PDB file of all heavy atoms in Angstrom:
ATOM      1  N   CYS A   1     135.129 117.899 104.325  1.00  0.00           N
ATOM      2  CA  CYS A   1     135.839 117.717 103.053  1.00  0.00           C
ATOM      3  C   CYS A   1     137.193 118.420 103.070  1.00  0.00           C
ATOM      4  O   CYS A   1     138.144 117.990 102.398  1.00  0.00           O
ATOM      5  CB  CYS A   1     135.003 118.238 101.892  1.00  0.00           C
ATOM      6  SG  CYS A   1     133.495 117.292 101.598  1.00  0.00           S
ATOM      7  N   GLN A   2     137.303 119.507 103.833  1.00  0.00           N
ATOM      8  CA  GLN A   2     138.554 120.249 103.921  1.00  0.00           C
ATOM      9  C   GLN A   2     139.544 119.603 104.885  1.00  0.00           C
ATOM     10  O   GLN A   2     140.654 120.110 105.062  1.00  0.00           O
ATOM     11  CB  GLN A   2     138.287 121.692 104.356  1.00  0.00           C
ATOM     12  CG  GLN A   2     137.562 122.517 103.305  1.00  0.00           C
ATOM     13  CD  GLN A   2     137.203 123.912 103.801  1.00  0.00           C
ATOM     14  OE1 GLN A   2     137.145 124.158 105.007  1.00  0.00           O
ATOM     15  NE2 GLN A   2     136.954 124.824 102.855  1.00  0.00           N
ATOM     16  N   GLY A   3     139.119 118.486 105.495  1.00  0.00           N
ATOM     17  CA  GLY A   3     140.016 117.762 106.387  1.00  0.00           C
ATOM     18  C   GLY A   3     140.051 118.275 107.811  1.00  0.00           C
ATOM     19  O   GLY A   3     140.966 117.927 108.571  1.00  0.00           O
ATOM     20  N   MET A   4     139.083 119.086 108.207  1.00  0.00           N
ATOM     21  CA  MET A   4     139.044 119.601 109.575  1.00  0.00           C
ATOM     22  C   MET A   4     138.777 118.460 110.548  1.00  0.00           C
ATOM     23  O   MET A   4     137.981 117.568 110.266  1.00  0.00           O
ATOM     24  CB  MET A   4     137.959 120.681 109.692  1.00  0.00           C
ATOM     25  CG  MET A   4     138.018 121.485 110.983  1.00  0.00           C
ATOM     26  SD  MET A   4     136.808 122.855 110.966  1.00  0.00           S
ATOM     27  CE  MET A   4     137.521 123.907 109.689  1.00  0.00           C
ATOM     28  N   SER A   5     139.426 118.477 111.696  1.00  0.00           N
ATOM     29  CA  SER A   5     139.294 117.389 112.668  1.00  0.00           C
ATOM     30  C   SER A   5     137.897 117.370 113.276  1.00  0.00           C
ATOM     31  O   SER A   5     137.198 118.384 113.318  1.00  0.00           O
ATOM     32  CB  SER A   5     140.329 117.540 113.783  1.00  0.00           C
ATOM     33  OG  SER A   5     140.074 118.709 114.539  1.00  0.00           O
ATOM     34  N   SER A   6     137.514 116.182 113.771  1.00  0.00           N
ATOM     35  CA  SER A   6     136.177 116.023 114.364  1.00  0.00           C
ATOM     36  C   SER A   6     135.998 116.908 115.585  1.00  0.00           C
ATOM     37  O   SER A   6     134.931 117.491 115.801  1.00  0.00           O
ATOM     38  CB  SER A   6     135.951 114.558 114.749  1.00  0.00           C
ATOM     39  OG  SER A   6     136.013 113.726 113.619  1.00  0.00           O
ATOM     40  N   GLY A   7     137.052 117.024 116.390  1.00  0.00           N
ATOM     41  CA  GLY A   7     136.955 117.863 117.578  1.00  0.00           C
ATOM     42  C   GLY A   7     136.740 119.319 117.240  1.00  0.00           C
ATOM     43  O   GLY A   7     135.936 120.008 117.872  1.00  0.00           O
ATOM     44  N   THR A   8     137.449 119.811 116.238  1.00  0.00           N
ATOM     45  CA  THR A   8     137.289 121.208 115.815  1.00  0.00           C
ATOM     46  C   THR A   8     135.898 121.462 115.258  1.00  0.00           C
ATOM     47  O   THR A   8     135.274 122.491 115.553  1.00  0.00           O
ATOM     48  CB  THR A   8     138.339 121.567 114.754  1.00  0.00           C
ATOM     49  OG1 THR A   8     139.645 121.316 115.274  1.00  0.00           O
ATOM     50  CG2 THR A   8     138.222 123.026 114.345  1.00  0.00           C
ATOM     51  N   ILE A   9     135.401 120.523 114.461  1.00  0.00           N
ATOM     52  CA  ILE A   9     134.051 120.657 113.904  1.00  0.00           C
ATOM     53  C   ILE A   9     133.010 120.690 115.015  1.00  0.00           C
ATOM     54  O   ILE A   9     132.069 121.497 115.000  1.00  0.00           O
ATOM     55  CB  ILE A   9     133.757 119.508 112.926  1.00  0.00           C
ATOM     56  CG1 ILE A   9     134.645 119.627 111.680  1.00  0.00           C
ATOM     57  CG2 ILE A   9     132.288 119.502 112.530  1.00  0.00           C
ATOM     58  CD1 ILE A   9     134.519 118.465 110.725  1.00  0.00           C
ATOM     59  N   MET A  10     133.194 119.830 116.029  1.00  0.00           N
ATOM     60  CA  MET A  10     132.217 119.767 117.122  1.00  0.00           C
ATOM     61  C   MET A  10     132.179 121.073 117.897  1.00  0.00           C
ATOM     62  O   MET A  10     131.100 121.598 118.219  1.00  0.00           O
ATOM     63  CB  MET A  10     132.546 118.605 118.061  1.00  0.00           C
ATOM     64  CG  MET A  10     131.589 118.494 119.243  1.00  0.00           C
ATOM     65  SD  MET A  10     131.956 117.096 120.331  1.00  0.00           S
ATOM     66  CE  MET A  10     131.464 115.730 119.312  1.00  0.00           C
ATOM     67  N   VAL A  11     133.355 121.625 118.203  1.00  0.00           N
ATOM     68  CA  VAL A  11     133.413 122.841 119.017  1.00  0.00           C
ATOM     69  C   VAL A  11     133.040 124.077 118.200  1.00  0.00           C
ATOM     70  O   VAL A  11     132.258 124.923 118.647  1.00  0.00           O
ATOM     71  CB  VAL A  11     134.822 123.011 119.622  1.00  0.00           C
ATOM     72  CG1 VAL A  11     134.941 124.355 120.339  1.00  0.00           C
ATOM     73  CG2 VAL A  11     135.132 121.875 120.579  1.00  0.00           C
ATOM     74  N   LYS A  12     133.604 124.195 116.987  1.00  0.00           N
ATOM     75  CA  LYS A  12     133.449 125.419 116.210  1.00  0.00           C
ATOM     76  C   LYS A  12     132.086 125.555 115.555  1.00  0.00           C
ATOM     77  O   LYS A  12     131.545 126.668 115.457  1.00  0.00           O
ATOM     78  CB  LYS A  12     134.541 125.469 115.138  1.00  0.00           C
ATOM     79  CG  LYS A  12     134.604 126.798 114.395  1.00  0.00           C
ATOM     80  CD  LYS A  12     135.791 126.838 113.456  1.00  0.00           C
ATOM     81  CE  LYS A  12     135.869 128.175 112.724  1.00  0.00           C
ATOM     82  NZ  LYS A  12     137.015 128.253 111.800  1.00  0.00           N
ATOM     83  N   TYR A  13     131.507 124.438 115.148  1.00  0.00           N
ATOM     84  CA  TYR A  13     130.252 124.503 114.391  1.00  0.00           C
ATOM     85  C   TYR A  13     129.072 123.881 115.146  1.00  0.00           C
ATOM     86  O   TYR A  13     128.053 124.535 115.368  1.00  0.00           O
ATOM     87  CB  TYR A  13     130.421 123.813 113.033  1.00  0.00           C
ATOM     88  CG  TYR A  13     131.416 124.483 112.133  1.00  0.00           C
ATOM     89  CD1 TYR A  13     132.642 123.894 111.861  1.00  0.00           C
ATOM     90  CD2 TYR A  13     131.137 125.709 111.550  1.00  0.00           C
ATOM     91  CE1 TYR A  13     133.574 124.516 111.039  1.00  0.00           C
ATOM     92  CE2 TYR A  13     132.050 126.337 110.714  1.00  0.00           C
ATOM     93  CZ  TYR A  13     133.270 125.726 110.468  1.00  0.00           C
ATOM     94  OH  TYR A  13     134.177 126.346 109.657  1.00  0.00           O
ATOM     95  N   ILE A  14     129.214 122.630 115.533  1.00  0.00           N
ATOM     96  CA  ILE A  14     128.076 121.904 116.098  1.00  0.00           C
ATOM     97  C   ILE A  14     127.687 122.440 117.463  1.00  0.00           C
ATOM     98  O   ILE A  14     126.517 122.738 117.724  1.00  0.00           O
ATOM     99  CB  ILE A  14     128.385 120.392 116.169  1.00  0.00           C
ATOM    100  CG1 ILE A  14     128.651 119.843 114.769  1.00  0.00           C
ATOM    101  CG2 ILE A  14     127.239 119.642 116.836  1.00  0.00           C
ATOM    102  CD1 ILE A  14     129.048 118.385 114.742  1.00  0.00           C
ATOM    103  N   LEU A  15     128.657 122.592 118.358  1.00  0.00           N
ATOM    104  CA  LEU A  15     128.351 123.061 119.714  1.00  0.00           C
ATOM    105  C   LEU A  15     127.775 124.466 119.694  1.00  0.00           C
ATOM    106  O   LEU A  15     126.745 124.737 120.303  1.00  0.00           O
ATOM    107  CB  LEU A  15     129.604 123.016 120.575  1.00  0.00           C
ATOM    108  CG  LEU A  15     129.469 123.584 122.000  1.00  0.00           C
ATOM    109  CD1 LEU A  15     128.404 122.815 122.772  1.00  0.00           C
ATOM    110  CD2 LEU A  15     130.798 123.532 122.731  1.00  0.00           C
ATOM    111  N   ARG A  16     128.418 125.365 118.978  1.00  0.00           N
ATOM    112  CA  ARG A  16     127.969 126.772 118.978  1.00  0.00           C
ATOM    113  C   ARG A  16     126.565 126.924 118.428  1.00  0.00           C
ATOM    114  O   ARG A  16     125.737 127.638 118.985  1.00  0.00           O
ATOM    115  CB  ARG A  16     128.949 127.615 118.174  1.00  0.00           C
ATOM    116  CG  ARG A  16     128.599 129.096 118.181  1.00  0.00           C
ATOM    117  CD  ARG A  16     129.701 129.933 117.599  1.00  0.00           C
ATOM    118  NE  ARG A  16     129.378 131.346 117.670  1.00  0.00           N
ATOM    119  CZ  ARG A  16     130.207 132.315 117.298  1.00  0.00           C
ATOM    120  NH1 ARG A  16     131.401 132.010 116.844  1.00  0.00           N
ATOM    121  NH2 ARG A  16     129.833 133.584 117.394  1.00  0.00           N
ATOM    122  N   ASN A  17     126.266 126.245 117.339  1.00  0.00           N
ATOM    123  CA  ASN A  17     124.940 126.368 116.742  1.00  0.00           C
ATOM    124  C   ASN A  17     123.876 125.622 117.540  1.00  0.00           C
ATOM    125  O   ASN A  17     122.697 125.995 117.516  1.00  0.00           O
ATOM    126  CB  ASN A  17     124.968 125.861 115.298  1.00  0.00           C
ATOM    127  CG  ASN A  17     125.678 126.813 114.355  1.00  0.00           C
ATOM    128  OD1 ASN A  17     125.120 127.802 113.902  1.00  0.00           O
ATOM    129  ND2 ASN A  17     126.946 126.534 114.084  1.00  0.00           N
ATOM    130  N   SER A  18     124.272 124.589 118.248  1.00  0.00           N
ATOM    131  CA  SER A  18     123.312 123.851 119.063  1.00  0.00           C
ATOM    132  C   SER A  18     122.915 124.631 120.304  1.00  0.00           C
ATOM    133  O   SER A  18     121.831 124.416 120.867  1.00  0.00           O
ATOM    134  CB  SER A  18     123.905 122.500 119.472  1.00  0.00           C
ATOM    135  OG  SER A  18     124.213 121.713 118.346  1.00  0.00           O
ATOM    136  N   LEU A  19     123.785 125.535 120.770  1.00  0.00           N
ATOM    137  CA  LEU A  19     123.518 126.264 122.002  1.00  0.00           C
ATOM    138  C   LEU A  19     122.332 127.216 121.893  1.00  0.00           C
ATOM    139  O   LEU A  19     121.752 127.593 122.914  1.00  0.00           O
ATOM    140  CB  LEU A  19     124.758 127.057 122.419  1.00  0.00           C
ATOM    141  CG  LEU A  19     125.899 126.248 123.045  1.00  0.00           C
ATOM    142  CD1 LEU A  19     127.071 127.149 123.360  1.00  0.00           C
ATOM    143  CD2 LEU A  19     125.424 125.531 124.298  1.00  0.00           C
ATOM    144  N   ILE A  20     121.966 127.622 120.691  1.00  0.00           N
ATOM    145  CA  ILE A  20     120.855 128.562 120.529  1.00  0.00           C
ATOM    146  C   ILE A  20     119.574 127.994 121.139  1.00  0.00           C
ATOM    147  O   ILE A  20     118.898 128.634 121.943  1.00  0.00           O
ATOM    148  CB  ILE A  20     120.634 128.900 119.047  1.00  0.00           C
ATOM    149  CG1 ILE A  20     121.866 129.616 118.474  1.00  0.00           C
ATOM    150  CG2 ILE A  20     119.396 129.761 118.875  1.00  0.00           C
ATOM    151  CD1 ILE A  20     122.129 130.963 119.067  1.00  0.00           C
ATOM    152  N   GLN A  21     119.223 126.769 120.746  1.00  0.00           N
ATOM    153  CA  GLN A  21     118.009 126.154 121.278  1.00  0.00           C
ATOM    154  C   GLN A  21     118.166 125.753 122.735  1.00  0.00           C
ATOM    155  O   GLN A  21     117.204 125.757 123.500  1.00  0.00           O
ATOM    156  CB  GLN A  21     117.637 124.935 120.431  1.00  0.00           C
ATOM    157  CG  GLN A  21     117.155 125.254 119.034  1.00  0.00           C
ATOM    158  CD  GLN A  21     115.941 126.150 119.042  1.00  0.00           C
ATOM    159  OE1 GLN A  21     115.027 125.993 119.850  1.00  0.00           O
ATOM    160  NE2 GLN A  21     115.917 127.122 118.143  1.00  0.00           N
ATOM    161  N   VAL A  22     119.383 125.388 123.127  1.00  0.00           N
ATOM    162  CA  VAL A  22     119.610 125.021 124.529  1.00  0.00           C
ATOM    163  C   VAL A  22     119.354 126.216 125.436  1.00  0.00           C
ATOM    164  O   VAL A  22     118.712 126.101 126.492  1.00  0.00           O
ATOM    165  CB  VAL A  22     121.049 124.503 124.710  1.00  0.00           C
ATOM    166  CG1 VAL A  22     121.378 124.325 126.188  1.00  0.00           C
ATOM    167  CG2 VAL A  22     121.226 123.176 123.982  1.00  0.00           C
ATOM    168  N   ILE A  23     119.825 127.381 125.024  1.00  0.00           N
ATOM    169  CA  ILE A  23     119.617 128.596 125.824  1.00  0.00           C
ATOM    170  C   ILE A  23     118.136 128.918 125.957  1.00  0.00           C
ATOM    171  O   ILE A  23     117.685 129.426 126.988  1.00  0.00           O
ATOM    172  CB  ILE A  23     120.388 129.771 125.187  1.00  0.00           C
ATOM    173  CG1 ILE A  23     121.888 129.598 125.432  1.00  0.00           C
ATOM    174  CG2 ILE A  23     119.926 131.102 125.736  1.00  0.00           C
ATOM    175  CD1 ILE A  23     122.737 130.646 124.779  1.00  0.00           C
ATOM    176  N   THR A  24     117.363 128.596 124.938  1.00  0.00           N
ATOM    177  CA  THR A  24     115.927 128.890 124.961  1.00  0.00           C
ATOM    178  C   THR A  24     115.239 128.222 126.141  1.00  0.00           C
ATOM    179  O   THR A  24     114.353 128.816 126.774  1.00  0.00           O
ATOM    180  CB  THR A  24     115.266 128.429 123.650  1.00  0.00           C
ATOM    181  OG1 THR A  24     115.923 129.054 122.546  1.00  0.00           O
ATOM    182  CG2 THR A  24     113.800 128.794 123.624  1.00  0.00           C
ATOM    183  N   VAL A  25     115.616 127.004 126.448  1.00  0.00           N
ATOM    184  CA  VAL A  25     114.940 126.264 127.518  1.00  0.00           C
ATOM    185  C   VAL A  25     115.581 126.487 128.881  1.00  0.00           C
ATOM    186  O   VAL A  25     115.013 126.101 129.906  1.00  0.00           O
ATOM    187  CB  VAL A  25     114.917 124.752 127.210  1.00  0.00           C
ATOM    188  CG1 VAL A  25     114.182 124.486 125.916  1.00  0.00           C
ATOM    189  CG2 VAL A  25     116.327 124.181 127.147  1.00  0.00           C
ATOM    190  N   MET A  26     116.749 127.113 128.896  1.00  0.00           N
ATOM    191  CA  MET A  26     117.462 127.250 130.168  1.00  0.00           C
ATOM    192  C   MET A  26     116.736 128.158 131.160  1.00  0.00           C
ATOM    193  O   MET A  26     116.761 127.906 132.364  1.00  0.00           O
ATOM    194  CB  MET A  26     118.879 127.770 129.923  1.00  0.00           C
ATOM    195  CG  MET A  26     119.842 126.720 129.412  1.00  0.00           C
ATOM    196  SD  MET A  26     121.486 127.399 129.078  1.00  0.00           S
ATOM    197  CE  MET A  26     121.985 127.932 130.714  1.00  0.00           C
ATOM    198  N   ALA A  27     116.097 129.224 130.664  1.00  0.00           N
ATOM    199  CA  ALA A  27     115.414 130.157 131.571  1.00  0.00           C
ATOM    200  C   ALA A  27     114.303 129.460 132.339  1.00  0.00           C
ATOM    201  O   ALA A  27     114.208 129.566 133.562  1.00  0.00           O
ATOM    202  CB  ALA A  27     114.866 131.338 130.781  1.00  0.00           C
ATOM    203  N   GLY A  28     113.447 128.743 131.597  1.00  0.00           N
ATOM    204  CA  GLY A  28     112.366 128.029 132.261  1.00  0.00           C
ATOM    205  C   GLY A  28     112.874 126.975 133.220  1.00  0.00           C
ATOM    206  O   GLY A  28     112.318 126.786 134.315  1.00  0.00           O
ATOM    207  N   LEU A  29     113.940 126.284 132.843  1.00  0.00           N
ATOM    208  CA  LEU A  29     114.510 125.255 133.708  1.00  0.00           C
ATOM    209  C   LEU A  29     115.083 125.853 134.983  1.00  0.00           C
ATOM    210  O   LEU A  29     114.901 125.301 136.076  1.00  0.00           O
ATOM    211  CB  LEU A  29     115.607 124.488 132.963  1.00  0.00           C
ATOM    212  CG  LEU A  29     115.153 123.538 131.860  1.00  0.00           C
ATOM    213  CD1 LEU A  29     116.361 122.959 131.137  1.00  0.00           C
ATOM    214  CD2 LEU A  29     114.293 122.410 132.422  1.00  0.00           C
ATOM    215  N   LEU A  30     115.750 126.995 134.854  1.00  0.00           N
ATOM    216  CA  LEU A  30     116.363 127.608 136.029  1.00  0.00           C
ATOM    217  C   LEU A  30     115.322 128.057 137.038  1.00  0.00           C
ATOM    218  O   LEU A  30     115.423 127.752 138.231  1.00  0.00           O
ATOM    219  CB  LEU A  30     117.231 128.795 135.605  1.00  0.00           C
ATOM    220  CG  LEU A  30     117.889 129.581 136.745  1.00  0.00           C
ATOM    221  CD1 LEU A  30     118.751 128.664 137.592  1.00  0.00           C
ATOM    222  CD2 LEU A  30     118.710 130.740 136.197  1.00  0.00           C
ATOM    223  N   VAL A  31     114.313 128.774 136.579  1.00  0.00           N
ATOM    224  CA  VAL A  31     113.266 129.225 137.493  1.00  0.00           C
ATOM    225  C   VAL A  31     112.491 128.027 138.033  1.00  0.00           C
ATOM    226  O   VAL A  31     112.075 128.004 139.192  1.00  0.00           O
ATOM    227  CB  VAL A  31     112.325 130.226 136.789  1.00  0.00           C
ATOM    228  CG1 VAL A  31     111.205 130.665 137.719  1.00  0.00           C
ATOM    229  CG2 VAL A  31     113.109 131.440 136.318  1.00  0.00           C
ATOM    230  N   GLY A  32     112.303 127.000 137.179  1.00  0.00           N
ATOM    231  CA  GLY A  32     111.655 125.784 137.660  1.00  0.00           C
ATOM    232  C   GLY A  32     112.448 125.116 138.755  1.00  0.00           C
ATOM    233  O   GLY A  32     111.878 124.567 139.710  1.00  0.00           O
ATOM    234  N   LEU A  33     113.773 125.161 138.663  1.00  0.00           N
ATOM    235  CA  LEU A  33     114.614 124.600 139.721  1.00  0.00           C
ATOM    236  C   LEU A  33     114.445 125.367 141.019  1.00  0.00           C
ATOM    237  O   LEU A  33     114.344 124.779 142.096  1.00  0.00           O
ATOM    238  CB  LEU A  33     116.092 124.641 139.295  1.00  0.00           C
ATOM    239  CG  LEU A  33     116.593 123.548 138.355  1.00  0.00           C
ATOM    240  CD1 LEU A  33     118.054 123.783 138.036  1.00  0.00           C
ATOM    241  CD2 LEU A  33     116.402 122.172 138.970  1.00  0.00           C
ATOM    242  N   LEU A  34     114.424 126.691 140.927  1.00  0.00           N
ATOM    243  CA  LEU A  34     114.327 127.508 142.131  1.00  0.00           C
ATOM    244  C   LEU A  34     112.985 127.330 142.830  1.00  0.00           C
ATOM    245  O   LEU A  34     112.903 127.336 144.064  1.00  0.00           O
ATOM    246  CB  LEU A  34     114.552 128.981 141.782  1.00  0.00           C
ATOM    247  CG  LEU A  34     115.939 129.310 141.228  1.00  0.00           C
ATOM    248  CD1 LEU A  34     116.018 130.774 140.842  1.00  0.00           C
ATOM    249  CD2 LEU A  34     117.021 128.971 142.235  1.00  0.00           C
ATOM    250  N   THR A  35     111.920 127.189 142.043  1.00  0.00           N
ATOM    251  CA  THR A  35     110.600 126.992 142.651  1.00  0.00           C
ATOM    252  C   THR A  35     110.348 125.515 142.967  1.00  0.00           C
ATOM    253  O   THR A  35     109.667 125.202 143.938  1.00  0.00           O
ATOM    254  CB  THR A  35     109.499 127.497 141.715  1.00  0.00           C
ATOM    255  OG1 THR A  35     109.628 126.850 140.440  1.00  0.00           O
ATOM    256  CG2 THR A  35     109.613 128.991 141.517  1.00  0.00           C
TER     257      THR A  35
END
């Protein structure tokens, strides 16, 4: 509503908040890759 661009919204809000759950699964995926 404030006229912020789609790219700024994606990086500043959507990407940052989405990373929380992504980080949760990264540990298991990394060790799973190594084994």
